[in-house]
Amino acid sequence: MSSPVPTTSSSSSNPTAGPTAATSPFWGHFTAMGDDPLPVMVRGEGCYVWDRAGNRYLDGLSGLFTVQVGHGRRELAAAASEQMSTLAYFPIWSYATEPALALAERLTGMAPGDLDRVFFTTGGSEAVDTAWKLARQYFKAVGQPDRTKVISRDLAYHGTTMGALSITGLPAIKEPFEPLVPGAVKVRHTSSFRSGHDFDEEWGEICARDIEDRILMEGPDTVAAVYLEPVQNTGGTLPPPPGYFARVREICDRHGVLLVSDEVICAFGRLGEWFGSDRFGYRPDMITFAKGVTSGYSPLGGVLVSDRLAQPFVEAHSTFLHGITFGGHPVSCAVAMANLDLMEHEDLLGNVSRRASGFQERLEGLLDLPIVGDVRGDGFLRTVELVRDPDTLETFTDEECAWLLKGQISHRLFESGLMCRSDDRSDPMILLSPPLIAGDDELDLIESVLRSVLTEAWTSLQHR
């Protein structure tokens, strides 16, 4: 399949107002070269952003599952400015800074279980790499050097650096860079749509057992970690079946394997809790995070680590041989503290919890459209999956999918003032992840635009 399809259109760009993406040296991420000029975004406020031509859009993807507190928050700009005026940068290689110390204390106080250490990075891919490296060095320190492999799920996205890309389960974005880091193996994901199974404890047992089967196949003494998102984003916001994480935790404990909860998307309120592992009641050995910790106002990521994994380093006075120049950047840490303050003071977790069922109900209302086959997700992280035939749930051909998403739906959503993600990395679907401040007006607008655009798309498909 091709890369994700952004809901963008050149019709609202104004090439006379400044340099365009087509004429500048700018190279967009996951963006096809030579396409129409890209929209240029210039301002954001609350749940909305504006392009160069003055058109307003509801940011239905929170930038990239990131902008929890909404756009244009001057409190976060003030926190960055104050820290820049005090200490703009200093490394945390053999030093500490006050913002990094304060944020570490706060995060470990919020984290589940015994996650009492924080290793800071600048983003999610680095956090995923860091957790793998830490697992490897930890097992060498405790006399199990053969534990180097990691298990993750099919279709799961865990990042784009070489280590994180190896853990990622999307063949299309891996193939140009192979061979990747060896030892990253895949198991089934948890979607029951088209599986013939109900989304119940039996399905949870089947999915969890696949992890154990793979551990046994690889050899338990060679497996270091299992990486799982609380809700798997790619593949269509796949929540865990009942009992799934309890069984996975049991399996990991039985075989001495670490459980890494990749919460780059799911942490900091996206599912109505500080951490997705809290939402589903399991205790990981590490949590990778980024995105929402600063609402994207400054780059920051990291790994929350069980204290027992740090003990071999503490007891031997040894060094985790890993570091990043801008990891734990003092400005980013100060912004993160201000961001968490806002989330607490405005009860954004409560807002998600109170509105999650209403969000789901609005989207489930779209099931009366023949093009909509499934609606799923959790909190403010939801998917509408599209089908070619509502009775058989037949999906689209690659050619139909490209025509539908790129030629029809993505442009019409954007023209209708809704930014979200039309994704064809598995079956065609629309992913939604609004800022955590979103209220009924925003959720109503999402439902209204989707209904209009999907109705148009189905009609166009029938007359093709």
Protein backbone atom coordinates (compact mmCIF):
# COMPACT_ATOMS: atom_id res chain seq x y z
CA MET A 1 0.00 0.00 0.00
CA SER A 2 1.02 3.61 -0.41
CA SER A 3 1.90 6.03 2.37
CA PRO A 4 -0.82 7.80 4.38
CA VAL A 5 -2.97 10.21 2.42
CA PRO A 6 -3.18 13.65 4.06
CA THR A 7 -6.46 15.47 3.66
CA THR A 8 -4.93 18.35 1.72
CA SER A 9 -5.90 20.29 -1.37
CA SER A 10 -4.06 22.87 -3.44
CA SER A 11 -7.23 24.86 -4.04
CA SER A 12 -6.82 26.94 -0.89
CA SER A 13 -3.12 27.74 -1.30
CA ASN A 14 -2.13 31.24 -2.33
CA PRO A 15 1.19 31.03 -4.18
CA THR A 16 1.49 34.82 -4.43
CA ALA A 17 1.60 35.30 -0.64
CA GLY A 18 5.05 33.77 -0.18
CA PRO A 19 7.19 30.78 -1.17
CA THR A 20 5.25 27.57 -1.83
CA ALA A 21 6.31 24.03 -1.02
CA ALA A 22 6.60 23.39 -4.76
CA THR A 23 9.10 26.24 -5.37
CA SER A 24 11.12 26.14 -2.14
CA PRO A 25 13.89 23.74 -1.01
CA PHE A 26 11.41 22.38 1.53
CA TRP A 27 11.11 18.55 1.57
CA GLY A 28 7.96 17.37 3.29
CA HIS A 29 7.78 14.27 5.48
CA PHE A 30 5.84 11.31 4.02
CA THR A 31 4.93 13.61 1.12
CA ALA A 32 5.09 12.62 -2.55
CA MET A 33 7.47 14.76 -4.58
CA GLY A 34 6.02 16.67 -7.51
CA ASP A 35 2.43 16.70 -6.26
CA ASP A 36 0.27 19.82 -6.31
CA PRO A 37 1.50 22.71 -4.14
CA LEU A 38 0.91 21.98 -0.49
CA PRO A 39 -1.32 24.12 1.72
CA VAL A 40 0.71 26.44 3.92
CA MET A 41 -0.62 26.70 7.46
CA VAL A 42 0.01 29.99 9.25
CA ARG A 43 -2.03 30.22 12.46
CA GLY A 44 -3.85 28.14 15.04
CA GLU A 45 -6.31 28.87 17.81
CA GLY A 46 -8.13 26.29 19.92
CA CYS A 47 -9.26 23.38 17.76
CA TYR A 48 -8.78 25.30 14.50
CA VAL A 49 -5.98 26.27 12.12
CA TRP A 50 -5.85 28.74 9.22
CA ASP A 51 -3.96 28.54 5.95
CA ARG A 52 -2.21 31.33 4.09
CA ALA A 53 -5.37 32.21 2.18
CA GLY A 54 -7.36 32.67 5.40
CA ASN A 55 -9.36 29.42 5.22
CA ARG A 56 -10.22 27.86 8.59
CA TYR A 57 -10.04 24.13 9.32
CA LEU A 58 -11.02 21.98 12.27
CA ASP A 59 -7.85 20.13 13.26
CA GLY A 60 -9.41 16.70 13.60
CA LEU A 61 -6.03 14.99 13.99
CA SER A 62 -4.50 17.27 16.65
CA GLY A 63 -1.70 18.05 14.21
CA LEU A 64 -0.43 14.48 14.39
CA PHE A 65 -2.12 13.04 17.51
CA THR A 66 -0.22 15.70 19.44
CA VAL A 67 -1.88 19.05 20.22
CA GLN A 68 -3.79 18.04 23.37
CA VAL A 69 -4.49 21.55 24.71
CA GLY A 70 -5.26 23.12 21.34
CA HIS A 71 -3.44 25.72 19.29
CA GLY A 72 -2.33 29.22 20.26
CA ARG A 73 -1.89 28.69 23.99
CA ARG A 74 0.06 31.70 25.18
CA GLU A 75 0.76 30.03 28.52
CA LEU A 76 3.06 27.58 26.76
CA ALA A 77 4.75 30.31 24.75
CA ALA A 78 5.37 32.21 27.99
CA ALA A 79 6.88 29.13 29.65
CA ALA A 80 9.24 28.66 26.70
CA SER A 81 10.22 32.35 26.68
CA GLU A 82 10.93 32.42 30.39
CA GLN A 83 13.09 29.29 30.23
CA MET A 84 14.97 30.56 27.17
CA SER A 85 15.79 33.73 29.08
CA THR A 86 17.05 31.72 32.04
CA LEU A 87 18.86 28.72 30.54
CA ALA A 88 18.10 28.09 26.88
CA TYR A 89 20.14 24.89 26.55
CA PHE A 90 22.43 22.62 28.46
CA PRO A 91 23.06 18.90 27.90
CA ILE A 92 22.08 16.22 30.38
CA TRP A 93 25.25 14.27 29.71
CA SER A 94 26.79 14.22 33.21
CA TYR A 95 24.65 17.23 34.16
CA ALA A 96 21.05 17.92 35.07
CA THR A 97 18.84 20.97 34.68
CA GLU A 98 16.05 22.15 36.95
CA PRO A 99 13.29 21.72 34.33
CA ALA A 100 14.41 18.16 33.54
CA LEU A 101 14.55 17.25 37.24
CA ALA A 102 11.12 18.75 37.90
CA LEU A 103 9.52 17.03 34.91
CA ALA A 104 11.08 13.67 35.79
CA GLU A 105 9.66 13.95 39.30
CA ARG A 106 6.23 14.84 37.97
CA LEU A 107 6.06 12.12 35.33
CA THR A 108 7.14 9.33 37.65
CA GLY A 109 4.52 10.54 40.12
CA MET A 110 1.85 10.15 37.46
CA ALA A 111 3.08 6.88 35.95
CA PRO A 112 1.64 3.47 36.81
CA GLY A 113 3.41 0.85 38.91
CA ASP A 114 7.12 1.16 39.64
CA LEU A 115 8.04 3.32 36.64
CA ASP A 116 10.32 5.49 38.74
CA ARG A 117 12.98 6.53 36.20
CA VAL A 118 12.82 8.71 33.09
CA PHE A 119 15.22 8.79 30.15
CA PHE A 120 14.47 11.81 27.97
CA THR A 121 14.67 11.94 24.17
CA THR A 122 13.37 14.47 21.65
CA GLY A 123 10.63 12.34 20.07
CA GLY A 124 8.83 9.04 19.74
CA SER A 125 11.09 7.12 17.35
CA GLU A 126 14.07 7.90 19.58
CA ALA A 127 12.09 6.74 22.61
CA VAL A 128 11.29 3.41 20.92
CA ASP A 129 14.97 2.94 19.97
CA THR A 130 16.01 3.87 23.50
CA ALA A 131 13.76 1.24 25.08
CA TRP A 132 15.20 -1.48 22.82
CA LYS A 133 18.77 -0.46 23.58
CA LEU A 134 18.04 -0.29 27.29
CA ALA A 135 16.47 -3.75 27.23
CA ARG A 136 19.54 -5.16 25.49
CA GLN A 137 22.04 -3.58 27.87
CA TYR A 138 19.92 -4.53 30.88
CA PHE A 139 19.87 -8.20 29.90
CA LYS A 140 23.62 -8.20 29.31
CA ALA A 141 24.06 -6.68 32.77
CA VAL A 142 22.03 -9.48 34.40
CA GLY A 143 23.80 -12.27 32.52
CA GLN A 144 21.28 -12.93 29.72
CA PRO A 145 23.09 -11.50 26.68
CA ASP A 146 21.14 -13.58 24.16
CA ARG A 147 17.94 -11.64 24.87
CA THR A 148 18.05 -9.23 21.94
CA LYS A 149 14.82 -9.76 19.99
CA VAL A 150 11.59 -7.79 20.16
CA ILE A 151 8.04 -8.77 19.26
CA SER A 152 5.48 -6.30 17.92
CA ARG A 153 2.21 -6.49 16.02
CA ASP A 154 1.42 -6.58 12.34
CA LEU A 155 0.63 -3.13 10.88
CA ALA A 156 1.74 -1.36 14.08
CA TYR A 157 3.68 1.87 13.58
CA HIS A 158 6.49 2.47 16.09
CA GLY A 159 8.62 5.06 14.29
CA THR A 160 11.02 5.63 11.41
CA THR A 161 14.58 5.48 12.79
CA MET A 162 16.27 2.22 11.83
CA GLY A 163 15.55 0.52 15.14
CA ALA A 164 11.99 1.80 15.45
CA LEU A 165 11.33 1.03 11.79
CA SER A 166 12.43 -2.55 12.39
CA ILE A 167 9.84 -2.84 15.15
CA THR A 168 7.19 -1.22 12.91
CA GLY A 169 4.87 -3.70 11.19
CA LEU A 170 4.21 -1.86 7.90
CA PRO A 171 6.11 -3.58 5.05
CA ALA A 172 5.58 -0.76 2.53
CA ILE A 173 7.52 1.83 4.54
CA LYS A 174 10.24 -0.65 5.54
CA GLU A 175 11.14 -2.15 2.17
CA PRO A 176 13.25 0.76 0.80
CA PHE A 177 15.57 0.58 3.81
CA GLU A 178 16.04 -3.16 4.23
CA PRO A 179 17.97 -4.93 5.60
CA LEU A 180 16.92 -3.41 8.92
CA VAL A 181 17.97 -4.32 12.44
CA PRO A 182 17.58 -8.09 12.85
CA GLY A 183 15.55 -9.63 15.61
CA ALA A 184 12.25 -7.74 15.28
CA VAL A 185 9.41 -10.21 14.69
CA LYS A 186 5.66 -9.74 14.26
CA VAL A 187 2.43 -11.23 15.62
CA ARG A 188 -1.25 -10.69 14.83
CA HIS A 189 -3.00 -7.43 15.68
CA THR A 190 -6.27 -7.29 17.61
CA SER A 191 -8.81 -6.26 14.94
CA SER A 192 -11.68 -8.74 14.79
CA PHE A 193 -13.28 -7.00 11.80
CA ARG A 194 -13.58 -9.61 9.02
CA SER A 195 -11.87 -12.19 11.29
CA GLY A 196 -15.01 -14.22 11.91
CA HIS A 197 -14.51 -13.78 15.66
CA ASP A 198 -16.47 -11.72 18.13
CA PHE A 199 -14.55 -8.99 19.95
CA ASP A 200 -14.57 -10.85 23.26
CA GLU A 201 -12.35 -12.66 25.76
CA GLU A 202 -11.92 -15.61 23.43
CA TRP A 203 -10.52 -13.28 20.77
CA GLY A 204 -8.29 -11.66 23.39
CA GLU A 205 -6.96 -15.09 24.31
CA ILE A 206 -6.29 -15.95 20.66
CA CYS A 207 -4.34 -12.71 20.11
CA ALA A 208 -2.37 -13.03 23.35
CA ARG A 209 -1.58 -16.68 22.66
CA ASP A 210 -0.05 -15.65 19.34
CA ILE A 211 2.52 -13.64 21.32
CA GLU A 212 3.37 -16.64 23.50
CA ASP A 213 3.61 -18.92 20.48
CA ARG A 214 6.09 -16.52 18.90
CA ILE A 215 8.16 -16.29 22.09
CA LEU A 216 8.37 -20.09 22.16
CA MET A 217 9.18 -20.22 18.46
CA GLU A 218 12.04 -17.74 18.78
CA GLY A 219 13.26 -19.25 22.06
CA PRO A 220 12.31 -17.46 25.30
CA ASP A 221 15.94 -16.87 26.22
CA THR A 222 16.40 -14.80 23.02
CA VAL A 223 13.42 -12.42 23.44
CA ALA A 224 14.01 -9.15 25.26
CA ALA A 225 10.70 -7.29 24.91
CA VAL A 226 7.19 -7.14 23.54
CA TYR A 227 6.13 -3.72 22.17
CA LEU A 228 2.40 -2.93 22.20
CA GLU A 229 0.36 0.25 21.89
CA PRO A 230 -2.62 0.42 24.28
CA VAL A 231 -4.74 1.21 21.20
CA GLN A 232 -2.89 0.33 18.02
CA ASN A 233 -3.13 3.36 15.76
CA THR A 234 -2.22 2.04 12.31
CA GLY A 235 -4.71 -0.52 11.11
CA GLY A 236 -7.47 1.68 12.44
CA THR A 237 -7.27 2.50 16.17
CA LEU A 238 -7.49 -1.10 17.34
CA PRO A 239 -8.44 -1.39 21.02
CA PRO A 240 -7.48 -4.47 23.03
CA PRO A 241 -10.07 -7.24 23.39
CA PRO A 242 -11.27 -8.05 26.93
CA GLY A 243 -8.58 -9.79 28.97
CA TYR A 244 -5.85 -9.24 26.36
CA PHE A 245 -3.38 -7.19 28.36
CA ALA A 246 -3.82 -9.28 31.52
CA ARG A 247 -2.82 -12.38 29.52
CA VAL A 248 0.06 -10.59 27.79
CA ARG A 249 1.41 -9.45 31.17
CA GLU A 250 1.16 -13.04 32.45
CA ILE A 251 2.94 -14.37 29.36
CA CYS A 252 5.75 -11.83 29.60
CA ASP A 253 6.26 -12.60 33.30
CA ARG A 254 6.30 -16.35 32.68
CA HIS A 255 9.05 -16.06 30.07
CA GLY A 256 11.05 -13.20 31.60
CA VAL A 257 10.23 -10.82 28.73
CA LEU A 258 9.82 -7.05 29.21
CA LEU A 259 6.52 -5.43 28.27
CA VAL A 260 6.99 -2.04 26.57
CA SER A 261 3.85 0.08 26.27
CA ASP A 262 4.35 2.40 23.30
CA GLU A 263 2.25 5.39 24.32
CA VAL A 264 3.65 8.03 22.00
CA ILE A 265 0.05 8.57 20.86
CA CYS A 266 -2.01 7.09 23.69
CA ALA A 267 -0.51 8.90 26.71
CA PHE A 268 -1.43 12.28 28.21
CA GLY A 269 -5.18 12.15 27.99
CA ARG A 270 -5.80 10.82 24.50
CA LEU A 271 -7.77 7.90 26.00
CA GLY A 272 -9.08 9.84 29.00
CA GLU A 273 -6.25 8.79 31.36
CA TRP A 274 -2.69 10.03 31.78
CA PHE A 275 -1.46 6.74 30.33
CA GLY A 276 -3.12 4.18 28.10
CA SER A 277 -1.86 1.41 30.35
CA ASP A 278 -3.98 2.93 33.12
CA ARG A 279 -6.97 2.97 30.78
CA PHE A 280 -6.70 -0.79 30.28
CA GLY A 281 -5.35 -1.75 33.69
CA TYR A 282 -1.93 -3.25 32.98
CA ARG A 283 1.55 -2.49 34.31
CA PRO A 284 4.33 -2.26 31.72
CA ASP A 285 8.06 -2.42 32.37
CA MET A 286 8.62 0.64 30.19
CA ILE A 287 6.44 3.33 28.62
CA THR A 288 7.62 5.25 25.57
CA PHE A 289 6.09 8.73 25.24
CA ALA A 290 6.33 11.96 23.21
CA LYS A 291 3.76 14.10 21.34
CA GLY A 292 1.15 15.05 23.95
CA VAL A 293 3.63 15.63 26.77
CA THR A 294 4.21 19.13 25.35
CA SER A 295 1.14 19.26 23.06
CA GLY A 296 3.72 19.62 20.29
CA TYR A 297 4.77 23.12 21.36
CA SER A 298 8.36 21.91 21.77
CA PRO A 299 9.97 18.57 20.86
CA LEU A 300 10.24 16.08 23.71
CA GLY A 301 9.94 12.34 24.26
CA GLY A 302 11.26 9.73 26.60
CA VAL A 303 11.01 6.38 28.29
CA LEU A 304 9.54 5.75 31.71
CA VAL A 305 11.44 2.80 33.15
CA SER A 306 10.75 0.34 35.95
CA ASP A 307 13.11 0.93 38.84
CA ARG A 308 14.19 -2.71 38.77
CA LEU A 309 15.61 -2.21 35.26
CA ALA A 310 17.77 0.60 36.59
CA GLN A 311 19.08 -1.39 39.55
CA PRO A 312 21.90 -3.24 37.71
CA PHE A 313 23.23 0.14 36.55
CA VAL A 314 22.92 1.64 40.03
CA GLU A 315 24.55 -1.32 41.78
CA ALA A 316 27.47 -1.48 39.36
CA HIS A 317 27.82 2.33 39.07
CA SER A 318 27.66 1.73 35.31
CA THR A 319 26.46 3.86 32.41
CA PHE A 320 23.63 3.31 29.97
CA LEU A 321 25.68 3.99 26.85
CA HIS A 322 23.16 6.10 25.03
CA GLY A 323 22.42 9.81 24.73
CA ILE A 324 20.89 12.50 22.53
CA THR A 325 22.09 16.09 22.29
CA PHE A 326 18.67 17.66 22.73
CA GLY A 327 17.15 14.99 24.99
CA GLY A 328 15.55 16.60 28.04
CA HIS A 329 15.99 20.06 26.51
CA PRO A 330 15.30 22.59 29.29
CA VAL A 331 12.88 24.63 27.19
CA SER A 332 10.93 21.53 26.19
CA CYS A 333 10.78 20.34 29.80
CA ALA A 334 9.50 23.75 30.93
CA VAL A 335 6.85 23.67 28.21
CA ALA A 336 5.86 20.15 29.27
CA MET A 337 5.36 21.31 32.86
CA ALA A 338 3.15 24.20 31.70
CA ASN A 339 1.25 21.86 29.37
CA LEU A 340 0.52 19.40 32.17
CA ASP A 341 -0.61 22.33 34.34
CA LEU A 342 -3.13 23.34 31.68
CA MET A 343 -4.39 19.80 31.28
CA GLU A 344 -4.94 19.49 35.01
CA HIS A 345 -6.49 22.92 35.56
CA GLU A 346 -8.90 22.51 32.64
CA ASP A 347 -9.68 18.85 33.43
CA LEU A 348 -8.98 17.74 29.86
CA LEU A 349 -8.89 14.09 30.87
CA GLY A 350 -12.37 14.54 32.26
CA ASN A 351 -13.48 16.21 29.04
CA VAL A 352 -12.34 13.20 27.02
CA SER A 353 -13.98 10.74 29.42
CA ARG A 354 -17.26 12.64 29.40
CA ARG A 355 -17.41 13.04 25.62
CA ALA A 356 -15.90 9.74 24.44
CA SER A 357 -19.17 7.84 24.27
CA GLY A 358 -20.86 10.73 22.45
CA PHE A 359 -18.00 10.84 19.95
CA GLN A 360 -18.41 7.11 19.32
CA GLU A 361 -22.19 7.43 18.99
CA ARG A 362 -21.86 10.19 16.41
CA LEU A 363 -19.51 8.04 14.33
CA GLU A 364 -21.61 4.90 14.77
CA GLY A 365 -24.48 6.89 13.28
CA LEU A 366 -22.53 6.81 10.02
CA LEU A 367 -22.99 3.04 9.82
CA ASP A 368 -26.22 3.75 7.97
CA LEU A 369 -24.06 4.77 5.01
CA PRO A 370 -23.24 1.79 2.77
CA ILE A 371 -19.60 2.84 2.46
CA VAL A 372 -19.00 2.62 6.23
CA GLY A 373 -18.14 -0.87 7.45
CA ASP A 374 -16.86 -0.36 10.98
CA VAL A 375 -16.34 2.30 13.64
CA ARG A 376 -13.90 1.70 16.51
CA GLY A 377 -11.34 3.21 18.85
CA ASP A 378 -11.28 4.70 22.32
CA GLY A 379 -11.32 8.14 23.90
CA PHE A 380 -10.45 10.83 21.37
CA LEU A 381 -8.82 8.30 19.01
CA ARG A 382 -11.31 6.84 16.52
CA THR A 383 -11.53 5.24 13.08
CA VAL A 384 -14.19 4.93 10.39
CA GLU A 385 -13.32 1.99 8.13
CA LEU A 386 -14.68 1.99 4.58
CA VAL A 387 -15.97 -0.96 2.55
CA ARG A 388 -16.79 -1.64 -1.11
CA ASP A 389 -19.80 -3.80 -0.29
CA PRO A 390 -21.77 -3.28 2.94
CA ASP A 391 -23.17 -6.82 2.88
CA THR A 392 -20.02 -8.84 2.24
CA LEU A 393 -17.64 -6.22 3.77
CA GLU A 394 -15.54 -6.56 0.62
CA THR A 395 -12.73 -4.01 0.53
CA PHE A 396 -11.49 -1.95 -2.41
CA THR A 397 -8.92 -2.80 -5.04
CA ASP A 398 -5.68 -0.82 -4.86
CA GLU A 399 -6.81 1.22 -7.88
CA GLU A 400 -10.21 1.94 -6.35
CA CYS A 401 -8.61 2.82 -3.03
CA ALA A 402 -6.26 5.34 -4.63
CA TRP A 403 -9.12 6.91 -6.58
CA LEU A 404 -11.40 7.00 -3.53
CA LEU A 405 -9.00 8.39 -0.94
CA LYS A 406 -6.71 10.58 -3.03
CA GLY A 407 -9.11 11.62 -5.73
CA GLN A 408 -12.28 12.02 -3.71
CA ILE A 409 -12.38 11.84 0.07
CA SER A 410 -9.16 13.55 1.17
CA HIS A 411 -9.74 16.63 -0.99
CA ARG A 412 -13.42 16.94 -0.12
CA LEU A 413 -12.78 16.66 3.63
CA PHE A 414 -10.20 19.41 3.40
CA GLU A 415 -12.40 21.60 1.22
CA SER A 416 -15.17 21.11 3.79
CA GLY A 417 -12.93 22.40 6.56
CA LEU A 418 -11.93 19.16 8.29
CA MET A 419 -8.35 18.00 8.64
CA CYS A 420 -7.97 14.33 9.50
CA ARG A 421 -6.19 11.33 7.98
CA SER A 422 -7.39 9.24 5.07
CA ASP A 423 -5.22 6.17 5.39
CA ASP A 424 -4.66 3.25 3.03
CA ARG A 425 -1.75 1.55 4.74
CA SER A 426 -4.10 -1.34 5.45
CA ASP A 427 -7.76 -1.18 4.39
CA PRO A 428 -9.08 2.33 3.56
CA MET A 429 -10.18 4.29 6.60
CA ILE A 430 -10.47 7.74 8.15
CA LEU A 431 -8.64 8.40 11.41
CA LEU A 432 -9.79 11.07 13.86
CA SER A 433 -8.00 12.46 16.89
CA PRO A 434 -9.24 15.96 17.82
CA PRO A 435 -7.62 18.16 20.48
CA LEU A 436 -8.65 17.20 23.99
CA ILE A 437 -10.41 20.55 24.40
CA ALA A 438 -12.93 19.65 21.68
CA GLY A 439 -16.60 20.04 22.64
CA ASP A 440 -19.97 19.23 21.11
CA ASP A 441 -19.61 21.82 18.34
CA GLU A 442 -16.39 20.22 17.09
CA LEU A 443 -17.70 16.65 17.38
CA ASP A 444 -20.90 17.65 15.58
CA LEU A 445 -18.86 19.25 12.79
CA ILE A 446 -16.77 16.08 12.39
CA GLU A 447 -19.92 13.96 12.06
CA SER A 448 -21.59 16.39 9.66
CA VAL A 449 -18.62 16.70 7.31
CA LEU A 450 -17.97 12.96 7.28
CA ARG A 451 -21.61 12.22 6.48
CA SER A 452 -21.65 14.67 3.59
CA VAL A 453 -18.30 13.66 2.10
CA LEU A 454 -18.83 9.90 2.46
CA THR A 455 -22.29 10.15 0.92
CA GLU A 456 -20.78 11.98 -2.06
CA ALA A 457 -17.98 9.42 -2.32
CA TRP A 458 -20.40 6.48 -2.39
CA THR A 459 -22.50 8.14 -5.09
CA SER A 460 -19.39 8.85 -7.18
CA LEU A 461 -18.25 5.25 -6.75
CA GLN A 462 -21.56 3.90 -8.06
CA HIS A 463 -21.30 6.07 -11.18
CA ARG A 464 -17.67 5.37 -11.90
